[in-house]
All heavy atoms as atom14 arrays in JSON, in Angstrom:
{
  "sequence": "LIGSQPAQEAFDIQREDEKTRDLYGRNNLGQQMLLARRL",
  "atom14_mask": [
    [1, 1, 1, 1, 1, 1, 1, 1, 0, 0, 0, 0, 0, 0],
    [1, 1, 1, 1, 1, 1, 1, 1, 0, 0, 0, 0, 0, 0],
    [1, 1, 1, 1, 0, 0, 0, 0, 0, 0, 0, 0, 0, 0],
    [1, 1, 1, 1, 1, 1, 0, 0, 0, 0, 0, 0, 0, 0],
    [1, 1, 1, 1, 1, 1, 1, 1, 1, 0, 0, 0, 0, 0],
    [1, 1, 1, 1, 1, 1, 1, 0, 0, 0, 0, 0, 0, 0],
    [1, 1, 1, 1, 1, 0, 0, 0, 0, 0, 0, 0, 0, 0],
    [1, 1, 1, 1, 1, 1, 1, 1, 1, 0, 0, 0, 0, 0],
    [1, 1, 1, 1, 1, 1, 1, 1, 1, 0, 0, 0, 0, 0],
    [1, 1, 1, 1, 1, 0, 0, 0, 0, 0, 0, 0, 0, 0],
    [1, 1, 1, 1, 1, 1, 1, 1, 1, 1, 1, 0, 0, 0],
    [1, 1, 1, 1, 1, 1, 1, 1, 0, 0, 0, 0, 0, 0],
    [1, 1, 1, 1, 1, 1, 1, 1, 0, 0, 0, 0, 0, 0],
    [1, 1, 1, 1, 1, 1, 1, 1, 1, 0, 0, 0, 0, 0],
    [1, 1, 1, 1, 1, 1, 1, 1, 1, 1, 1, 0, 0, 0],
    [1, 1, 1, 1, 1, 1, 1, 1, 1, 0, 0, 0, 0, 0],
    [1, 1, 1, 1, 1, 1, 1, 1, 0, 0, 0, 0, 0, 0],
    [1, 1, 1, 1, 1, 1, 1, 1, 1, 0, 0, 0, 0, 0],
    [1, 1, 1, 1, 1, 1, 1, 1, 1, 0, 0, 0, 0, 0],
    [1, 1, 1, 1, 1, 1, 1, 0, 0, 0, 0, 0, 0, 0],
    [1, 1, 1, 1, 1, 1, 1, 1, 1, 1, 1, 0, 0, 0],
    [1, 1, 1, 1, 1, 1, 1, 1, 0, 0, 0, 0, 0, 0],
    [1, 1, 1, 1, 1, 1, 1, 1, 0, 0, 0, 0, 0, 0],
    [1, 1, 1, 1, 1, 1, 1, 1, 1, 1, 1, 1, 0, 0],
    [1, 1, 1, 1, 0, 0, 0, 0, 0, 0, 0, 0, 0, 0],
    [1, 1, 1, 1, 1, 1, 1, 1, 1, 1, 1, 0, 0, 0],
    [1, 1, 1, 1, 1, 1, 1, 1, 0, 0, 0, 0, 0, 0],
    [1, 1, 1, 1, 1, 1, 1, 1, 0, 0, 0, 0, 0, 0],
    [1, 1, 1, 1, 1, 1, 1, 1, 0, 0, 0, 0, 0, 0],
    [1, 1, 1, 1, 0, 0, 0, 0, 0, 0, 0, 0, 0, 0],
    [1, 1, 1, 1, 1, 1, 1, 1, 1, 0, 0, 0, 0, 0],
    [1, 1, 1, 1, 1, 1, 1, 1, 1, 0, 0, 0, 0, 0],
    [1, 1, 1, 1, 1, 1, 1, 1, 0, 0, 0, 0, 0, 0],
    [1, 1, 1, 1, 1, 1, 1, 1, 0, 0, 0, 0, 0, 0],
    [1, 1, 1, 1, 1, 1, 1, 1, 0, 0, 0, 0, 0, 0],
    [1, 1, 1, 1, 1, 0, 0, 0, 0, 0, 0, 0, 0, 0],
    [1, 1, 1, 1, 1, 1, 1, 1, 1, 1, 1, 0, 0, 0],
    [1, 1, 1, 1, 1, 1, 1, 1, 1, 1, 1, 0, 0, 0],
    [1, 1, 1, 1, 1, 1, 1, 1, 0, 0, 0, 0, 0, 0]
  ],
  "atom14_positions": [
    [[-106.78, 16.86, 195.62], [-105.66, 16.6, 194.72], [-105.6, 15.12, 194.36], [-105.39, 14.75, 193.21], [-104.34, 17.05, 195.36], [-103.1, 16.9, 194.49], [-103.21, 17.76, 193.25], [-101.85, 17.27, 195.28], [0.0, 0.0, 0.0], [0.0, 0.0, 0.0], [0.0, 0.0, 0.0], [0.0, 0.0, 0.0], [0.0, 0.0, 0.0], [0.0, 0.0, 0.0]],
    [[-105.79, 14.28, 195.37], [-105.78, 12.84, 195.11], [-106.9, 12.45, 194.16], [-106.75, 11.59, 193.29], [-105.9, 12.06, 196.44], [-104.61, 12.23, 197.27], [-106.15, 10.58, 196.2], [-104.68, 11.66, 198.67], [0.0, 0.0, 0.0], [0.0, 0.0, 0.0], [0.0, 0.0, 0.0], [0.0, 0.0, 0.0], [0.0, 0.0, 0.0], [0.0, 0.0, 0.0]],
    [[-108.04, 13.13, 194.29], [-109.18, 12.8, 193.46], [-109.28, 13.56, 192.16], [-110.23, 13.37, 191.4], [0.0, 0.0, 0.0], [0.0, 0.0, 0.0], [0.0, 0.0, 0.0], [0.0, 0.0, 0.0], [0.0, 0.0, 0.0], [0.0, 0.0, 0.0], [0.0, 0.0, 0.0], [0.0, 0.0, 0.0], [0.0, 0.0, 0.0], [0.0, 0.0, 0.0]],
    [[-108.31, 14.43, 191.88], [-108.35, 15.24, 190.67], [-107.74, 14.48, 189.5], [-106.54, 14.21, 189.48], [-107.59, 16.55, 190.88], [-107.38, 17.22, 189.66], [0.0, 0.0, 0.0], [0.0, 0.0, 0.0], [0.0, 0.0, 0.0], [0.0, 0.0, 0.0], [0.0, 0.0, 0.0], [0.0, 0.0, 0.0], [0.0, 0.0, 0.0], [0.0, 0.0, 0.0]],
    [[-108.56, 14.17, 188.5], [-108.06, 13.44, 187.35], [-107.02, 14.24, 186.57], [-105.97, 13.69, 186.2], [-109.21, 13.03, 186.43], [-108.74, 12.19, 185.24], [-109.89, 11.7, 184.39], [-111.06, 11.84, 184.76], [-109.56, 11.13, 183.24], [0.0, 0.0, 0.0], [0.0, 0.0, 0.0], [0.0, 0.0, 0.0], [0.0, 0.0, 0.0], [0.0, 0.0, 0.0]],
    [[-107.24, 15.55, 186.3], [-106.2, 16.32, 185.58], [-104.87, 16.34, 186.33], [-103.81, 16.23, 185.72], [-106.81, 17.72, 185.47], [-108.27, 17.5, 185.55], [-108.46, 16.36, 186.5], [0.0, 0.0, 0.0], [0.0, 0.0, 0.0], [0.0, 0.0, 0.0], [0.0, 0.0, 0.0], [0.0, 0.0, 0.0], [0.0, 0.0, 0.0], [0.0, 0.0, 0.0]],
    [[-104.93, 16.49, 187.68], [-103.7, 16.52, 188.46], [-102.98, 15.18, 188.38], [-101.76, 15.12, 188.18], [-104.0, 16.88, 189.9], [0.0, 0.0, 0.0], [0.0, 0.0, 0.0], [0.0, 0.0, 0.0], [0.0, 0.0, 0.0], [0.0, 0.0, 0.0], [0.0, 0.0, 0.0], [0.0, 0.0, 0.0], [0.0, 0.0, 0.0], [0.0, 0.0, 0.0]],
    [[-103.72, 14.1, 188.54], [-103.11, 12.77, 188.5], [-102.49, 12.5, 187.13], [-101.41, 11.92, 187.04], [-104.16, 11.71, 188.84], [-104.67, 11.78, 190.27], [-103.55, 11.68, 191.29], [-102.68, 10.81, 191.19], [-103.54, 12.57, 192.27], [0.0, 0.0, 0.0], [0.0, 0.0, 0.0], [0.0, 0.0, 0.0], [0.0, 0.0, 0.0], [0.0, 0.0, 0.0]],
    [[-103.18, 12.93, 186.07], [-102.63, 12.74, 184.74], [-101.38, 13.56, 184.51], [-100.44, 13.14, 183.83], [-103.69, 13.06, 183.7], [-104.83, 12.06, 183.67], [-105.89, 12.39, 182.64], [-105.78, 13.47, 181.99], [-106.82, 11.58, 182.46], [0.0, 0.0, 0.0], [0.0, 0.0, 0.0], [0.0, 0.0, 0.0], [0.0, 0.0, 0.0], [0.0, 0.0, 0.0]],
    [[-101.34, 14.78, 185.09], [-100.15, 15.63, 184.95], [-98.95, 15.0, 185.64], [-97.83, 15.01, 185.12], [-100.42, 17.02, 185.53], [0.0, 0.0, 0.0], [0.0, 0.0, 0.0], [0.0, 0.0, 0.0], [0.0, 0.0, 0.0], [0.0, 0.0, 0.0], [0.0, 0.0, 0.0], [0.0, 0.0, 0.0], [0.0, 0.0, 0.0], [0.0, 0.0, 0.0]],
    [[-99.17, 14.43, 186.82], [-98.08, 13.79, 187.56], [-97.59, 12.52, 186.88], [-96.43, 12.14, 187.01], [-98.52, 13.45, 188.98], [-98.68, 14.64, 189.89], [-99.79, 14.76, 190.7], [-97.71, 15.62, 189.95], [-99.94, 15.85, 191.55], [-97.84, 16.72, 190.78], [-98.96, 16.83, 191.59], [0.0, 0.0, 0.0], [0.0, 0.0, 0.0], [0.0, 0.0, 0.0]],
    [[-98.47, 11.86, 186.14], [-98.14, 10.57, 185.53], [-97.44, 10.8, 184.19], [-98.06, 10.79, 183.13], [-99.41, 9.74, 185.35], [-99.11, 8.33, 184.88], [-97.9, 7.98, 184.74], [-100.06, 7.57, 184.63], [0.0, 0.0, 0.0], [0.0, 0.0, 0.0], [0.0, 0.0, 0.0], [0.0, 0.0, 0.0], [0.0, 0.0, 0.0], [0.0, 0.0, 0.0]],
    [[-96.14, 10.99, 184.26], [-95.37, 11.3, 183.05], [-95.34, 10.13, 182.08], [-95.03, 10.29, 180.9], [-93.95, 11.75, 183.45], [-93.3, 12.53, 182.31], [-93.1, 10.56, 183.89], [-92.01, 13.23, 182.71], [0.0, 0.0, 0.0], [0.0, 0.0, 0.0], [0.0, 0.0, 0.0], [0.0, 0.0, 0.0], [0.0, 0.0, 0.0], [0.0, 0.0, 0.0]],
    [[-95.67, 8.93, 182.57], [-95.7, 7.75, 181.69], [-96.76, 7.9, 180.59], [-96.7, 7.21, 179.57], [-95.98, 6.49, 182.5], [-95.19, 6.33, 183.79], [-93.7, 6.22, 183.57], [-93.26, 5.79, 182.51], [-92.91, 6.58, 184.58], [0.0, 0.0, 0.0], [0.0, 0.0, 0.0], [0.0, 0.0, 0.0], [0.0, 0.0, 0.0], [0.0, 0.0, 0.0]],
    [[-97.73, 8.79, 180.81], [-98.78, 9.01, 179.82], [-98.28, 9.81, 178.61], [-98.95, 9.87, 177.59], [-99.96, 9.76, 180.43], [-100.73, 9.0, 181.5], [-101.75, 9.92, 182.15], [-102.58, 9.23, 183.13], [-103.81, 8.75, 182.87], [-104.31, 8.9, 181.66], [-104.51, 8.13, 183.8], [0.0, 0.0, 0.0], [0.0, 0.0, 0.0], [0.0, 0.0, 0.0]],
    [[-97.14, 10.44, 178.75], [-96.65, 11.33, 177.7], [-96.23, 10.55, 176.47], [-95.71, 9.42, 176.56], [-95.46, 12.14, 178.23], [-95.03, 13.29, 177.35], [-96.11, 14.35, 177.2], [-96.6, 14.86, 178.23], [-96.44, 14.67, 176.04], [0.0, 0.0, 0.0], [0.0, 0.0, 0.0], [0.0, 0.0, 0.0], [0.0, 0.0, 0.0], [0.0, 0.0, 0.0]],
    [[-96.43, 11.16, 175.33], [-96.02, 10.58, 174.06], [-94.52, 10.31, 174.06], [-93.72, 11.13, 174.51], [-96.38, 11.56, 172.93], [-95.88, 11.08, 171.59], [-96.52, 10.18, 171.03], [-94.86, 11.62, 171.11], [0.0, 0.0, 0.0], [0.0, 0.0, 0.0], [0.0, 0.0, 0.0], [0.0, 0.0, 0.0], [0.0, 0.0, 0.0], [0.0, 0.0, 0.0]],
    [[-94.13, 9.14, 173.56], [-92.72, 8.73, 173.58], [-91.83, 9.69, 172.79], [-90.71, 10.0, 173.19], [-92.57, 7.31, 173.03], [-93.19, 6.22, 173.9], [-92.5, 6.11, 175.25], [-91.26, 6.11, 175.28], [-93.2, 6.02, 176.27], [0.0, 0.0, 0.0], [0.0, 0.0, 0.0], [0.0, 0.0, 0.0], [0.0, 0.0, 0.0], [0.0, 0.0, 0.0]],
    [[-92.33, 10.19, 171.67], [-91.53, 11.12, 170.86], [-91.29, 12.42, 171.61], [-90.21, 13.02, 171.5], [-92.22, 11.39, 169.52], [-92.22, 10.19, 168.58], [-92.86, 10.54, 167.25], [-92.82, 9.35, 166.3], [-93.46, 9.67, 164.98], [0.0, 0.0, 0.0], [0.0, 0.0, 0.0], [0.0, 0.0, 0.0], [0.0, 0.0, 0.0], [0.0, 0.0, 0.0]],
    [[-92.28, 12.86, 172.39], [-92.1, 14.08, 173.17], [-91.09, 13.85, 174.28], [-90.24, 14.71, 174.56], [-93.44, 14.54, 173.76], [-94.36, 14.78, 172.69], [-93.28, 15.81, 174.57], [0.0, 0.0, 0.0], [0.0, 0.0, 0.0], [0.0, 0.0, 0.0], [0.0, 0.0, 0.0], [0.0, 0.0, 0.0], [0.0, 0.0, 0.0], [0.0, 0.0, 0.0]],
    [[-91.15, 12.71, 174.92], [-90.17, 12.4, 175.97], [-88.76, 12.36, 175.38], [-87.81, 12.85, 176.0], [-90.51, 11.08, 176.64], [-91.85, 11.09, 177.39], [-91.99, 9.91, 178.33], [-91.1, 10.07, 179.48], [-91.03, 9.19, 180.48], [-91.77, 8.1, 180.46], [-90.2, 9.4, 181.48], [0.0, 0.0, 0.0], [0.0, 0.0, 0.0], [0.0, 0.0, 0.0]],
    [[-88.63, 11.81, 174.19], [-87.32, 11.78, 173.53], [-86.85, 13.19, 173.19], [-85.64, 13.48, 173.27], [-87.39, 10.95, 172.25], [-87.58, 9.46, 172.52], [-87.32, 9.02, 173.66], [-88.01, 8.75, 171.58], [0.0, 0.0, 0.0], [0.0, 0.0, 0.0], [0.0, 0.0, 0.0], [0.0, 0.0, 0.0], [0.0, 0.0, 0.0], [0.0, 0.0, 0.0]],
    [[-87.77, 14.06, 172.8], [-87.42, 15.44, 172.45], [-86.72, 16.14, 173.61], [-85.71, 16.84, 173.42], [-88.68, 16.21, 172.07], [-88.51, 17.7, 171.75], [-87.75, 17.89, 170.44], [-89.87, 18.4, 171.68], [0.0, 0.0, 0.0], [0.0, 0.0, 0.0], [0.0, 0.0, 0.0], [0.0, 0.0, 0.0], [0.0, 0.0, 0.0], [0.0, 0.0, 0.0]],
    [[-87.21, 15.94, 174.83], [-86.63, 16.58, 176.01], [-85.32, 15.92, 176.46], [-84.53, 16.54, 177.18], [-87.61, 16.51, 177.18], [-88.72, 17.54, 177.13], [-89.87, 17.33, 176.38], [-88.63, 18.72, 177.87], [-90.89, 18.26, 176.35], [-89.65, 19.66, 177.85], [-90.78, 19.42, 177.08], [-91.79, 20.35, 177.07], [0.0, 0.0, 0.0], [0.0, 0.0, 0.0]],
    [[-85.13, 14.68, 176.06], [-83.96, 13.93, 176.5], [-84.33, 12.96, 177.59], [-85.0, 13.33, 178.57], [0.0, 0.0, 0.0], [0.0, 0.0, 0.0], [0.0, 0.0, 0.0], [0.0, 0.0, 0.0], [0.0, 0.0, 0.0], [0.0, 0.0, 0.0], [0.0, 0.0, 0.0], [0.0, 0.0, 0.0], [0.0, 0.0, 0.0], [0.0, 0.0, 0.0]],
    [[-83.9, 11.73, 177.46], [-84.23, 10.71, 178.44], [-83.23, 10.76, 179.59], [-82.4, 9.88, 179.78], [-84.22, 9.33, 177.78], [-85.33, 9.12, 176.77], [-86.71, 9.2, 177.41], [-87.76, 8.84, 176.48], [-88.69, 7.9, 176.72], [-88.7, 7.26, 177.86], [-89.61, 7.65, 175.82], [0.0, 0.0, 0.0], [0.0, 0.0, 0.0], [0.0, 0.0, 0.0]],
    [[-83.33, 11.82, 180.36], [-82.47, 12.03, 181.52], [-83.28, 12.79, 182.57], [-84.4, 13.25, 182.3], [-81.2, 12.8, 181.13], [-81.5, 14.11, 180.44], [-81.99, 15.06, 181.06], [-81.24, 14.2, 179.13], [0.0, 0.0, 0.0], [0.0, 0.0, 0.0], [0.0, 0.0, 0.0], [0.0, 0.0, 0.0], [0.0, 0.0, 0.0], [0.0, 0.0, 0.0]],
    [[-82.73, 12.93, 183.75], [-83.48, 13.53, 184.85], [-83.91, 14.96, 184.53], [-85.07, 15.33, 184.73], [-82.67, 13.48, 186.15], [-81.33, 14.2, 186.05], [-80.81, 14.44, 184.95], [-80.74, 14.52, 187.18], [0.0, 0.0, 0.0], [0.0, 0.0, 0.0], [0.0, 0.0, 0.0], [0.0, 0.0, 0.0], [0.0, 0.0, 0.0], [0.0, 0.0, 0.0]],
    [[-83.01, 15.8, 184.04], [-83.36, 17.19, 183.78], [-84.39, 17.32, 182.67], [-85.37, 18.06, 182.8], [-82.11, 18.01, 183.44], [-82.38, 19.48, 183.1], [-82.97, 20.21, 184.32], [-81.13, 20.17, 182.61], [0.0, 0.0, 0.0], [0.0, 0.0, 0.0], [0.0, 0.0, 0.0], [0.0, 0.0, 0.0], [0.0, 0.0, 0.0], [0.0, 0.0, 0.0]],
    [[-84.18, 16.62, 181.58], [-85.12, 16.71, 180.47], [-86.53, 16.33, 180.9], [-87.5, 17.02, 180.56], [0.0, 0.0, 0.0], [0.0, 0.0, 0.0], [0.0, 0.0, 0.0], [0.0, 0.0, 0.0], [0.0, 0.0, 0.0], [0.0, 0.0, 0.0], [0.0, 0.0, 0.0], [0.0, 0.0, 0.0], [0.0, 0.0, 0.0], [0.0, 0.0, 0.0]],
    [[-86.65, 15.27, 181.68], [-87.97, 14.83, 182.1], [-88.56, 15.73, 183.19], [-89.78, 15.86, 183.31], [-87.91, 13.38, 182.57], [-87.45, 12.41, 181.48], [-88.28, 12.48, 180.22], [-89.48, 12.17, 180.25], [-87.68, 12.87, 179.1], [0.0, 0.0, 0.0], [0.0, 0.0, 0.0], [0.0, 0.0, 0.0], [0.0, 0.0, 0.0], [0.0, 0.0, 0.0]],
    [[-87.72, 16.38, 183.98], [-88.22, 17.38, 184.93], [-88.81, 18.58, 184.18], [-89.86, 19.12, 184.57], [-87.1, 17.83, 185.87], [-86.74, 16.8, 186.92], [-85.35, 16.98, 187.49], [-84.66, 17.96, 187.21], [-84.91, 16.03, 188.31], [0.0, 0.0, 0.0], [0.0, 0.0, 0.0], [0.0, 0.0, 0.0], [0.0, 0.0, 0.0], [0.0, 0.0, 0.0]],
    [[-88.15, 19.01, 183.11], [-88.7, 20.1, 182.31], [-90.01, 19.69, 181.65], [-90.95, 20.49, 181.58], [-87.68, 20.54, 181.26], [-86.48, 21.26, 181.85], [-85.41, 21.94, 180.56], [-84.17, 22.79, 181.54], [0.0, 0.0, 0.0], [0.0, 0.0, 0.0], [0.0, 0.0, 0.0], [0.0, 0.0, 0.0], [0.0, 0.0, 0.0], [0.0, 0.0, 0.0]],
    [[-90.09, 18.47, 181.2], [-91.34, 17.97, 180.63], [-92.44, 17.95, 181.69], [-93.58, 18.35, 181.43], [-91.13, 16.57, 180.05], [-92.37, 15.83, 179.56], [-93.14, 16.66, 178.53], [-91.99, 14.47, 178.98], [0.0, 0.0, 0.0], [0.0, 0.0, 0.0], [0.0, 0.0, 0.0], [0.0, 0.0, 0.0], [0.0, 0.0, 0.0], [0.0, 0.0, 0.0]],
    [[-92.12, 17.5, 182.89], [-93.1, 17.49, 183.97], [-93.54, 18.91, 184.31], [-94.73, 19.16, 184.59], [-92.52, 16.8, 185.19], [-93.46, 16.56, 186.38], [-94.73, 15.83, 185.94], [-92.74, 15.79, 187.48], [0.0, 0.0, 0.0], [0.0, 0.0, 0.0], [0.0, 0.0, 0.0], [0.0, 0.0, 0.0], [0.0, 0.0, 0.0], [0.0, 0.0, 0.0]],
    [[-92.61, 19.87, 184.26], [-92.97, 21.27, 184.49], [-93.99, 21.74, 183.46], [-94.96, 22.43, 183.79], [-91.73, 22.15, 184.45], [0.0, 0.0, 0.0], [0.0, 0.0, 0.0], [0.0, 0.0, 0.0], [0.0, 0.0, 0.0], [0.0, 0.0, 0.0], [0.0, 0.0, 0.0], [0.0, 0.0, 0.0], [0.0, 0.0, 0.0], [0.0, 0.0, 0.0]],
    [[-93.79, 21.37, 182.2], [-94.76, 21.73, 181.17], [-96.13, 21.12, 181.45], [-97.18, 21.75, 181.3], [-94.27, 21.26, 179.81], [-95.12, 21.74, 178.63], [-95.4, 20.61, 177.66], [-96.5, 19.77, 178.08], [-96.67, 18.51, 177.7], [-95.78, 17.91, 176.92], [-97.72, 17.82, 178.12], [0.0, 0.0, 0.0], [0.0, 0.0, 0.0], [0.0, 0.0, 0.0]],
    [[-96.14, 19.88, 181.89], [-97.39, 19.21, 182.2], [-98.11, 19.89, 183.36], [-99.34, 19.94, 183.41], [-97.14, 17.73, 182.52], [-96.66, 16.93, 181.31], [-96.28, 15.5, 181.69], [-97.43, 14.74, 182.17], [-98.29, 14.1, 181.38], [-98.15, 14.14, 180.06], [-99.31, 13.43, 181.9], [0.0, 0.0, 0.0], [0.0, 0.0, 0.0], [0.0, 0.0, 0.0]],
    [[-97.35, 20.42, 184.31], [-97.95, 21.08, 185.47], [-98.58, 22.42, 185.11], [-99.69, 22.73, 185.52], [-96.9, 21.24, 186.57], [-96.43, 19.93, 187.22], [-95.24, 20.19, 188.14], [-97.55, 19.25, 187.98], [0.0, 0.0, 0.0], [0.0, 0.0, 0.0], [0.0, 0.0, 0.0], [0.0, 0.0, 0.0], [0.0, 0.0, 0.0], [0.0, 0.0, 0.0]]
  ]
}
């Protein structure tokens, strides 16, 4: 898991497009839902 590039990229929400992050809402729940999509 530590060595998996796709996994590391999924966990790194900072990589997400700013407009997509805004779409979900810049709050804890919105970004948790975004992280769920990435997973």
